[in-house]
């Protein structure tokens, strides 16, 4: 038990604190269920101590900084189908609109920050 307490203290200091999943959801402004999904997807690192799961405050802060586009991300198949539909609607002489560029802009902004 003492070694687990020491590991918890050390991890807490290194990670700028540890919080439970519910608190992590409050910090991110999301539900506990979404935070659990992020952990299961490997997008957030869980710390297991005393039979409970904790999250790194430092990692949560970094996760908040990433600019995200609201809504469900578009897959390549949807983008290709949209481009095909748009190309059939435009005159052959006009420049075709590429929907892919619409979804690259937020990623480029995030990369610059």
N, C-alpha and C. Protein backbone atom coordinates (compact mmCIF):
# COMPACT_ATOMS: atom_id res chain seq x y z
N UNK A 1 0.83 -1.20 0.00
CA UNK A 1 0.00 0.00 0.00
C UNK A 1 0.87 1.26 0.00
N UNK A 2 1.95 1.25 0.77
CA UNK A 2 2.82 2.42 0.83
C UNK A 2 3.49 2.68 -0.51
N UNK A 3 3.90 1.62 -1.20
CA UNK A 3 4.55 1.82 -2.49
C UNK A 3 3.55 2.37 -3.51
N UNK A 4 2.29 1.94 -3.41
CA UNK A 4 1.27 2.47 -4.32
C UNK A 4 1.02 3.95 -4.02
N UNK A 5 1.02 4.32 -2.76
CA UNK A 5 0.85 5.72 -2.37
C UNK A 5 2.02 6.55 -2.87
N UNK A 6 3.23 6.01 -2.78
CA UNK A 6 4.40 6.73 -3.27
C UNK A 6 4.34 6.90 -4.79
N UNK A 7 3.93 5.84 -5.52
CA UNK A 7 3.80 5.93 -6.98
C UNK A 7 2.72 6.94 -7.36
N UNK A 8 1.62 6.96 -6.61
CA UNK A 8 0.55 7.92 -6.87
C UNK A 8 1.05 9.34 -6.67
N UNK A 9 1.77 9.57 -5.59
CA UNK A 9 2.31 10.91 -5.30
C UNK A 9 3.29 11.35 -6.37
N UNK A 10 4.16 10.45 -6.79
CA UNK A 10 5.15 10.77 -7.82
C UNK A 10 4.46 11.07 -9.16
N UNK A 11 3.49 10.22 -9.54
CA UNK A 11 2.76 10.44 -10.80
C UNK A 11 1.98 11.74 -10.75
N UNK A 12 1.38 12.03 -9.63
CA UNK A 12 0.61 13.26 -9.49
C UNK A 12 1.50 14.50 -9.66
N UNK A 13 2.69 14.45 -9.08
CA UNK A 13 3.62 15.57 -9.21
C UNK A 13 4.10 15.72 -10.65
N UNK A 14 4.42 14.60 -11.31
CA UNK A 14 4.91 14.64 -12.69
C UNK A 14 3.84 15.10 -13.68
N UNK A 15 2.60 14.78 -13.41
CA UNK A 15 1.51 15.06 -14.34
C UNK A 15 0.73 16.34 -13.98
N UNK A 16 1.25 17.14 -13.09
CA UNK A 16 0.59 18.37 -12.63
C UNK A 16 -0.75 18.06 -11.97
N UNK A 17 -0.86 16.90 -11.40
CA UNK A 17 -2.06 16.47 -10.71
C UNK A 17 -2.76 15.35 -11.46
N UNK A 18 -3.54 14.56 -10.70
CA UNK A 18 -4.35 13.51 -11.28
C UNK A 18 -5.80 13.73 -10.85
N UNK A 19 -6.72 13.53 -11.78
CA UNK A 19 -8.14 13.69 -11.49
C UNK A 19 -8.89 12.45 -11.96
N UNK A 20 -10.08 12.22 -11.40
CA UNK A 20 -10.86 11.07 -11.84
C UNK A 20 -11.57 11.40 -13.16
N UNK A 21 -12.24 10.41 -13.73
CA UNK A 21 -12.87 10.58 -15.04
C UNK A 21 -13.95 11.66 -15.03
N UNK A 22 -14.73 11.71 -13.97
CA UNK A 22 -15.79 12.72 -13.89
C UNK A 22 -15.19 14.12 -13.87
N UNK A 23 -14.15 14.31 -13.08
CA UNK A 23 -13.48 15.61 -13.03
C UNK A 23 -12.83 15.93 -14.38
N UNK A 24 -12.29 14.91 -15.04
CA UNK A 24 -11.72 15.11 -16.38
C UNK A 24 -12.78 15.60 -17.36
N UNK A 25 -14.00 15.05 -17.24
CA UNK A 25 -15.10 15.50 -18.09
C UNK A 25 -15.45 16.95 -17.84
N UNK A 26 -15.44 17.35 -16.58
CA UNK A 26 -15.73 18.75 -16.23
C UNK A 26 -14.66 19.67 -16.81
N UNK A 27 -13.40 19.27 -16.69
CA UNK A 27 -12.30 20.08 -17.22
C UNK A 27 -12.43 20.25 -18.73
N UNK A 28 -12.78 19.16 -19.43
CA UNK A 28 -12.91 19.21 -20.90
C UNK A 28 -14.26 19.76 -21.35
N UNK A 29 -15.20 19.89 -20.43
CA UNK A 29 -16.54 20.34 -20.82
C UNK A 29 -17.29 19.25 -21.57
N UNK A 30 -17.00 17.99 -21.27
CA UNK A 30 -17.60 16.83 -21.92
C UNK A 30 -18.16 15.89 -20.87
N UNK A 31 -18.87 14.88 -21.32
CA UNK A 31 -19.45 13.90 -20.39
C UNK A 31 -18.41 12.89 -19.94
N UNK A 32 -18.71 12.25 -18.82
CA UNK A 32 -17.84 11.19 -18.31
C UNK A 32 -17.76 10.05 -19.33
N UNK A 33 -18.87 9.77 -20.00
CA UNK A 33 -18.89 8.69 -20.99
C UNK A 33 -17.94 8.97 -22.16
N UNK A 34 -17.90 10.22 -22.61
CA UNK A 34 -16.98 10.57 -23.69
C UNK A 34 -15.54 10.43 -23.22
N UNK A 35 -15.26 10.84 -22.00
CA UNK A 35 -13.91 10.72 -21.45
C UNK A 35 -13.53 9.24 -21.38
N UNK A 36 -14.46 8.38 -20.95
CA UNK A 36 -14.19 6.95 -20.91
C UNK A 36 -13.88 6.41 -22.31
N UNK A 37 -14.60 6.90 -23.32
CA UNK A 37 -14.37 6.48 -24.70
C UNK A 37 -12.98 6.94 -25.17
N UNK A 38 -12.60 8.16 -24.82
CA UNK A 38 -11.28 8.67 -25.20
C UNK A 38 -10.17 7.82 -24.57
N UNK A 39 -10.39 7.37 -23.35
CA UNK A 39 -9.42 6.50 -22.67
C UNK A 39 -9.36 5.16 -23.39
N UNK A 40 -10.53 4.58 -23.71
CA UNK A 40 -10.55 3.26 -24.36
C UNK A 40 -9.96 3.32 -25.78
N UNK A 41 -10.06 4.48 -26.44
CA UNK A 41 -9.48 4.66 -27.77
C UNK A 41 -7.98 4.96 -27.72
N UNK A 42 -7.47 5.18 -26.50
CA UNK A 42 -6.05 5.46 -26.35
C UNK A 42 -5.70 6.92 -26.56
N UNK A 43 -6.71 7.79 -26.62
CA UNK A 43 -6.43 9.21 -26.83
C UNK A 43 -6.10 9.93 -25.53
N UNK A 44 -6.45 9.34 -24.40
CA UNK A 44 -6.06 9.82 -23.08
C UNK A 44 -5.45 8.64 -22.33
N UNK A 45 -4.41 8.92 -21.55
CA UNK A 45 -3.70 7.87 -20.82
C UNK A 45 -4.29 7.69 -19.42
N UNK A 46 -4.75 6.48 -19.09
CA UNK A 46 -5.27 6.25 -17.74
C UNK A 46 -4.15 5.91 -16.76
N UNK A 47 -4.33 6.32 -15.53
CA UNK A 47 -3.45 5.94 -14.43
C UNK A 47 -4.30 5.18 -13.43
N UNK A 48 -3.90 3.97 -13.09
CA UNK A 48 -4.66 3.12 -12.18
C UNK A 48 -4.00 3.11 -10.80
N UNK A 49 -4.71 3.59 -9.80
CA UNK A 49 -4.24 3.56 -8.41
C UNK A 49 -5.43 3.29 -7.50
N UNK A 50 -5.21 2.47 -6.52
CA UNK A 50 -6.22 2.18 -5.49
C UNK A 50 -7.53 1.67 -6.09
N UNK A 51 -7.45 0.96 -7.20
CA UNK A 51 -8.64 0.41 -7.83
C UNK A 51 -9.47 1.43 -8.58
N UNK A 52 -8.90 2.59 -8.84
CA UNK A 52 -9.62 3.66 -9.55
C UNK A 52 -8.77 4.15 -10.71
N UNK A 53 -9.46 4.79 -11.66
CA UNK A 53 -8.78 5.33 -12.84
C UNK A 53 -8.66 6.84 -12.72
N UNK A 54 -7.46 7.34 -13.00
CA UNK A 54 -7.19 8.77 -12.94
C UNK A 54 -6.63 9.25 -14.27
N UNK A 55 -6.74 10.55 -14.51
CA UNK A 55 -6.21 11.16 -15.73
C UNK A 55 -5.23 12.25 -15.36
N UNK A 56 -4.28 12.50 -16.24
CA UNK A 56 -3.26 13.52 -16.05
C UNK A 56 -3.84 14.90 -16.35
N UNK A 57 -3.66 15.83 -15.43
CA UNK A 57 -4.11 17.21 -15.65
C UNK A 57 -3.31 17.82 -16.80
N UNK A 58 -2.03 17.52 -16.86
CA UNK A 58 -1.19 18.04 -17.95
C UNK A 58 -1.71 17.56 -19.31
N UNK A 59 -2.06 16.28 -19.41
CA UNK A 59 -2.56 15.74 -20.66
C UNK A 59 -3.93 16.34 -21.02
N UNK A 60 -4.77 16.57 -20.03
CA UNK A 60 -6.07 17.19 -20.28
C UNK A 60 -5.90 18.61 -20.81
N UNK A 61 -4.94 19.35 -20.25
CA UNK A 61 -4.67 20.71 -20.74
C UNK A 61 -4.20 20.68 -22.19
N UNK A 62 -3.31 19.74 -22.51
CA UNK A 62 -2.83 19.61 -23.89
C UNK A 62 -3.97 19.21 -24.84
N UNK A 63 -4.84 18.34 -24.37
CA UNK A 63 -5.98 17.89 -25.18
C UNK A 63 -6.92 19.06 -25.48
N UNK A 64 -7.09 19.96 -24.51
CA UNK A 64 -7.95 21.13 -24.70
C UNK A 64 -7.40 22.09 -25.75
N UNK A 65 -6.09 22.16 -25.89
CA UNK A 65 -5.46 23.12 -26.79
C UNK A 65 -5.66 22.78 -28.26
N UNK A 66 -5.94 21.52 -28.58
CA UNK A 66 -6.09 21.09 -29.96
C UNK A 66 -7.43 21.59 -30.50
N UNK A 67 -7.36 22.33 -31.61
CA UNK A 67 -8.59 22.86 -32.22
C UNK A 67 -9.33 21.73 -32.91
N UNK A 68 -10.59 21.58 -32.59
CA UNK A 68 -11.40 20.52 -33.17
C UNK A 68 -12.60 21.12 -33.89
N UNK A 69 -12.90 20.53 -35.03
CA UNK A 69 -14.08 20.94 -35.79
C UNK A 69 -15.27 20.23 -35.17
N UNK A 70 -16.36 20.96 -34.86
CA UNK A 70 -17.52 20.30 -34.26
C UNK A 70 -18.17 19.33 -35.25
N UNK A 71 -18.80 18.31 -34.71
CA UNK A 71 -19.50 17.34 -35.54
C UNK A 71 -18.66 16.12 -35.83
N UNK A 72 -19.24 15.24 -36.58
CA UNK A 72 -18.58 13.98 -36.93
C UNK A 72 -17.58 14.22 -38.07
N UNK A 73 -16.37 13.69 -37.94
CA UNK A 73 -15.39 13.91 -39.01
C UNK A 73 -15.80 13.20 -40.29
N UNK A 74 -15.48 13.82 -41.41
CA UNK A 74 -15.81 13.26 -42.71
C UNK A 74 -14.73 12.27 -43.11
N UNK A 75 -15.16 11.11 -43.57
CA UNK A 75 -14.22 10.11 -44.06
C UNK A 75 -13.89 10.35 -45.52
N UNK A 76 -12.88 9.67 -46.02
CA UNK A 76 -12.44 9.82 -47.40
C UNK A 76 -13.55 9.46 -48.38
N UNK A 77 -14.35 8.43 -48.10
CA UNK A 77 -15.42 8.03 -49.01
C UNK A 77 -16.46 9.14 -49.16
N UNK A 78 -16.80 9.80 -48.06
CA UNK A 78 -17.80 10.88 -48.11
C UNK A 78 -17.24 12.06 -48.90
N UNK A 79 -15.99 12.40 -48.66
CA UNK A 79 -15.36 13.52 -49.38
C UNK A 79 -15.30 13.22 -50.88
N UNK A 80 -14.89 12.00 -51.23
CA UNK A 80 -14.83 11.62 -52.65
C UNK A 80 -16.20 11.66 -53.31
N UNK A 81 -17.22 11.17 -52.60
CA UNK A 81 -18.58 11.18 -53.15
C UNK A 81 -19.09 12.60 -53.32
N UNK A 82 -18.78 13.47 -52.37
CA UNK A 82 -19.20 14.87 -52.46
C UNK A 82 -18.51 15.56 -53.62
N UNK A 83 -17.21 15.31 -53.79
CA UNK A 83 -16.48 15.90 -54.92
C UNK A 83 -17.06 15.42 -56.25
N UNK A 84 -17.40 14.15 -56.34
CA UNK A 84 -17.98 13.60 -57.56
C UNK A 84 -19.33 14.26 -57.85
N UNK A 85 -20.16 14.41 -56.81
CA UNK A 85 -21.48 15.05 -57.00
C UNK A 85 -21.31 16.50 -57.43
N UNK A 86 -20.38 17.21 -56.82
CA UNK A 86 -20.16 18.61 -57.18
C UNK A 86 -19.63 18.74 -58.61
N UNK A 87 -18.78 17.81 -59.01
CA UNK A 87 -18.22 17.89 -60.36
C UNK A 87 -19.30 17.68 -61.42
N UNK A 88 -20.32 16.91 -61.11
CA UNK A 88 -21.38 16.68 -62.09
C UNK A 88 -22.32 17.89 -62.18
N UNK A 89 -22.29 18.76 -61.18
CA UNK A 89 -23.18 19.93 -61.17
C UNK A 89 -22.56 21.16 -61.83
N UNK A 90 -21.26 21.18 -62.00
CA UNK A 90 -20.60 22.35 -62.55
C UNK A 90 -20.41 22.21 -64.05
N UNK A 91 -20.29 23.34 -64.71
CA UNK A 91 -20.02 23.34 -66.15
C UNK A 91 -18.61 22.83 -66.38
N UNK A 92 -18.37 22.11 -67.47
CA UNK A 92 -17.03 21.59 -67.74
C UNK A 92 -15.98 22.69 -67.82
N UNK A 93 -16.35 23.89 -68.23
CA UNK A 93 -15.40 24.97 -68.36
C UNK A 93 -15.06 25.63 -67.03
N UNK A 94 -15.88 25.41 -66.01
CA UNK A 94 -15.63 26.04 -64.72
C UNK A 94 -14.65 25.20 -63.89
N UNK A 95 -13.97 25.89 -63.00
CA UNK A 95 -13.04 25.19 -62.11
C UNK A 95 -13.85 24.41 -61.08
N UNK A 96 -13.52 23.16 -60.90
CA UNK A 96 -14.24 22.29 -59.98
C UNK A 96 -13.90 22.63 -58.53
N UNK A 97 -14.91 22.68 -57.67
CA UNK A 97 -14.70 22.94 -56.25
C UNK A 97 -14.24 21.65 -55.58
N UNK A 98 -13.15 21.70 -54.83
CA UNK A 98 -12.64 20.52 -54.14
C UNK A 98 -12.99 20.64 -52.66
N UNK A 99 -13.92 19.80 -52.21
CA UNK A 99 -14.40 19.82 -50.84
C UNK A 99 -13.29 19.47 -49.85
N UNK A 100 -12.29 18.74 -50.28
CA UNK A 100 -11.20 18.36 -49.39
C UNK A 100 -10.55 19.59 -48.79
N UNK A 101 -10.42 20.65 -49.56
CA UNK A 101 -9.78 21.87 -49.06
C UNK A 101 -10.58 22.51 -47.93
N UNK A 102 -11.89 22.36 -47.94
CA UNK A 102 -12.71 22.92 -46.87
C UNK A 102 -12.37 22.30 -45.52
N UNK A 103 -11.95 21.05 -45.54
CA UNK A 103 -11.69 20.36 -44.29
C UNK A 103 -10.22 20.35 -43.92
N UNK A 104 -9.38 20.87 -44.77
CA UNK A 104 -7.97 20.98 -44.44
C UNK A 104 -7.68 22.27 -43.68
N UNK A 105 -8.51 23.27 -43.84
CA UNK A 105 -8.26 24.57 -43.21
C UNK A 105 -8.16 24.48 -41.69
N UNK A 106 -9.12 23.85 -40.96
CA UNK A 106 -8.98 23.80 -39.50
C UNK A 106 -7.73 23.05 -39.06
N UNK A 107 -7.36 22.00 -39.77
CA UNK A 107 -6.16 21.25 -39.40
C UNK A 107 -4.91 22.10 -39.58
N UNK A 108 -4.87 22.90 -40.65
CA UNK A 108 -3.71 23.75 -40.88
C UNK A 108 -3.61 24.84 -39.81
N UNK A 109 -4.76 25.38 -39.40
CA UNK A 109 -4.74 26.39 -38.33
C UNK A 109 -4.22 25.79 -37.05
N UNK A 110 -4.64 24.56 -36.74
CA UNK A 110 -4.20 23.91 -35.51
C UNK A 110 -2.70 23.64 -35.56
N UNK A 111 -2.20 23.28 -36.75
CA UNK A 111 -0.77 23.00 -36.89
C UNK A 111 0.07 24.26 -36.69
N UNK A 112 -0.45 25.41 -37.09
CA UNK A 112 0.28 26.67 -36.94
C UNK A 112 0.38 27.08 -35.47
N UNK A 113 -0.64 26.73 -34.67
CA UNK A 113 -0.64 27.13 -33.24
C UNK A 113 0.24 26.28 -32.48
